[in-house]
Protein backbone atom coordinates (compact mmCIF):
# COMPACT_ATOMS: atom_id res chain seq x y z
CA UNK A 1 68.81 101.66 -5.90
CA UNK A 2 67.60 99.73 -2.35
CA UNK A 3 67.25 96.76 -4.18
CA UNK A 4 70.59 96.19 -5.40
CA UNK A 5 72.20 97.35 -2.30
CA UNK A 6 69.81 94.38 -0.70
CA UNK A 7 71.41 91.77 -3.29
CA UNK A 8 74.65 92.73 -2.84
CA UNK A 9 74.94 92.27 0.71
CA UNK A 10 72.63 88.68 0.33
CA UNK A 11 74.58 87.03 -2.18
CA UNK A 12 75.12 83.73 0.11
CA UNK A 13 71.18 84.38 0.16
CA UNK A 14 70.28 84.37 -3.26
CA UNK A 15 72.96 81.58 -4.04
CA UNK A 16 71.33 79.29 -0.96
CA UNK A 17 68.09 80.07 -2.74
CA UNK A 18 68.96 78.72 -6.30
CA UNK A 19 70.68 75.70 -4.87
CA UNK A 20 68.40 74.54 -2.46
CA UNK A 21 65.20 75.33 -3.17
CA UNK A 22 64.82 75.36 -6.76
CA UNK A 23 66.84 72.44 -7.23
CA UNK A 24 65.81 70.77 -4.53
CA UNK A 25 62.12 71.82 -5.20
CA UNK A 26 62.76 70.39 -8.73
CA UNK A 27 63.97 67.09 -7.87
CA UNK A 28 61.09 66.13 -4.98
CA UNK A 29 58.60 67.52 -7.33
CA UNK A 30 60.29 65.30 -10.21
CA UNK A 31 59.94 62.69 -7.58
CA UNK A 32 56.46 62.98 -7.20
CA UNK A 33 56.02 62.37 -10.89
CA UNK A 34 57.60 58.87 -10.41
CA UNK A 35 61.15 59.91 -11.93
CA UNK A 36 63.18 57.50 -10.11
CA UNK A 37 66.14 58.91 -8.00
CA UNK A 38 68.60 57.04 -10.03
CA UNK A 39 67.50 59.04 -13.25
CA UNK A 40 67.82 62.41 -11.02
CA UNK A 41 70.81 61.77 -9.92
CA UNK A 42 72.26 60.88 -13.48
CA UNK A 43 70.90 64.59 -14.63
CA UNK A 44 72.64 65.81 -11.49
CA UNK A 45 75.55 64.55 -12.37
CA UNK A 46 75.62 67.06 -15.47
CA UNK A 47 76.19 69.61 -13.18
CA UNK A 48 80.22 70.09 -13.80
CA UNK A 49 79.28 70.28 -17.81
CA UNK A 50 77.02 72.77 -17.01
CA UNK A 51 78.86 74.62 -14.88
CA UNK A 52 81.59 74.84 -17.65
CA UNK A 53 79.37 76.13 -19.75
CA UNK A 54 79.33 78.87 -17.48
CA UNK A 55 82.64 79.19 -16.41
CA UNK A 56 82.95 82.43 -18.99
CA UNK A 57 80.90 84.17 -16.48
CA UNK A 58 83.14 84.21 -13.89
CA UNK A 59 86.48 84.42 -16.05
CA UNK A 60 87.41 80.78 -15.96
CA UNK A 61 88.40 78.86 -19.09
CA UNK A 62 88.06 75.32 -19.71
CA UNK A 63 90.93 73.08 -21.87
CA UNK A 64 89.95 71.16 -24.65
CA UNK A 65 90.92 67.96 -22.80
CA UNK A 66 88.45 68.70 -19.92
CA UNK A 67 85.45 69.55 -22.80
CA UNK A 68 86.24 66.17 -24.13
CA UNK A 69 85.92 64.73 -20.67
CA UNK A 70 82.80 66.42 -20.25
CA UNK A 71 81.48 65.60 -23.76
CA UNK A 72 81.91 61.66 -22.87
CA UNK A 73 80.32 61.98 -19.46
CA UNK A 74 77.41 63.84 -21.03
CA UNK A 75 76.94 60.95 -23.37
CA UNK A 76 77.11 58.29 -20.38
CA UNK A 77 74.65 60.41 -18.83
CA UNK A 78 72.22 60.48 -22.03
CA UNK A 79 72.60 56.87 -22.96
CA UNK A 80 71.43 55.90 -18.97
CA UNK A 81 68.49 58.04 -19.04
CA UNK A 82 67.78 56.94 -22.62
CA UNK A 83 65.92 53.65 -21.44
CA UNK A 84 63.88 55.25 -18.89
CA UNK A 85 60.34 55.06 -21.61
CA UNK A 86 58.41 55.57 -18.45
CA UNK A 87 59.67 58.92 -17.41
CA UNK A 88 57.33 61.99 -18.31
CA UNK A 89 58.43 65.00 -20.22
CA UNK A 90 57.62 67.30 -17.57
CA UNK A 91 59.55 65.32 -15.05
CA UNK A 92 62.49 65.35 -17.09
CA UNK A 93 62.22 68.99 -17.27
CA UNK A 94 62.00 69.39 -13.78
CA UNK A 95 65.39 67.56 -13.61
CA UNK A 96 66.62 70.01 -15.89
CA UNK A 97 65.67 72.95 -14.14
CA UNK A 98 67.28 71.39 -10.90
CA UNK A 99 70.13 71.02 -12.13
CA UNK A 100 70.09 74.78 -13.85
CA UNK A 101 69.49 75.83 -9.87
CA UNK A 102 72.11 73.85 -8.72
CA UNK A 103 74.65 75.07 -11.33
CA UNK A 104 73.75 78.50 -11.90
CA UNK A 105 73.71 79.24 -7.90
CA UNK A 106 76.96 77.52 -7.60
CA UNK A 107 78.46 79.85 -10.29
CA UNK A 108 76.82 82.74 -8.37
CA UNK A 109 78.46 81.80 -5.27
CA UNK A 110 81.65 81.44 -6.77
CA UNK A 111 81.28 85.25 -8.44
């Protein structure tokens, strides 16, 4: 399968595409829809939580103490973003897509 060989040889390219094109493309598109950079930064701050959720795919475990810390951070981000009533649903969805691009790219690169 030539496609699988290409993927194996170009893992860095795939991780870079996920981490740069998906993440930055989604974030800049969200900014064009009037989502503030502060909100995007707060959503991007959830990156460690998403990586912890995906840690099982690379054979790592997360302790209960770490999950507690991630939970506190997630609630803090949620409270900070909740007040932004002018934010569009599409803009918030783009922020989540950017966050997933960064997190999946990081896990893919680690693998």
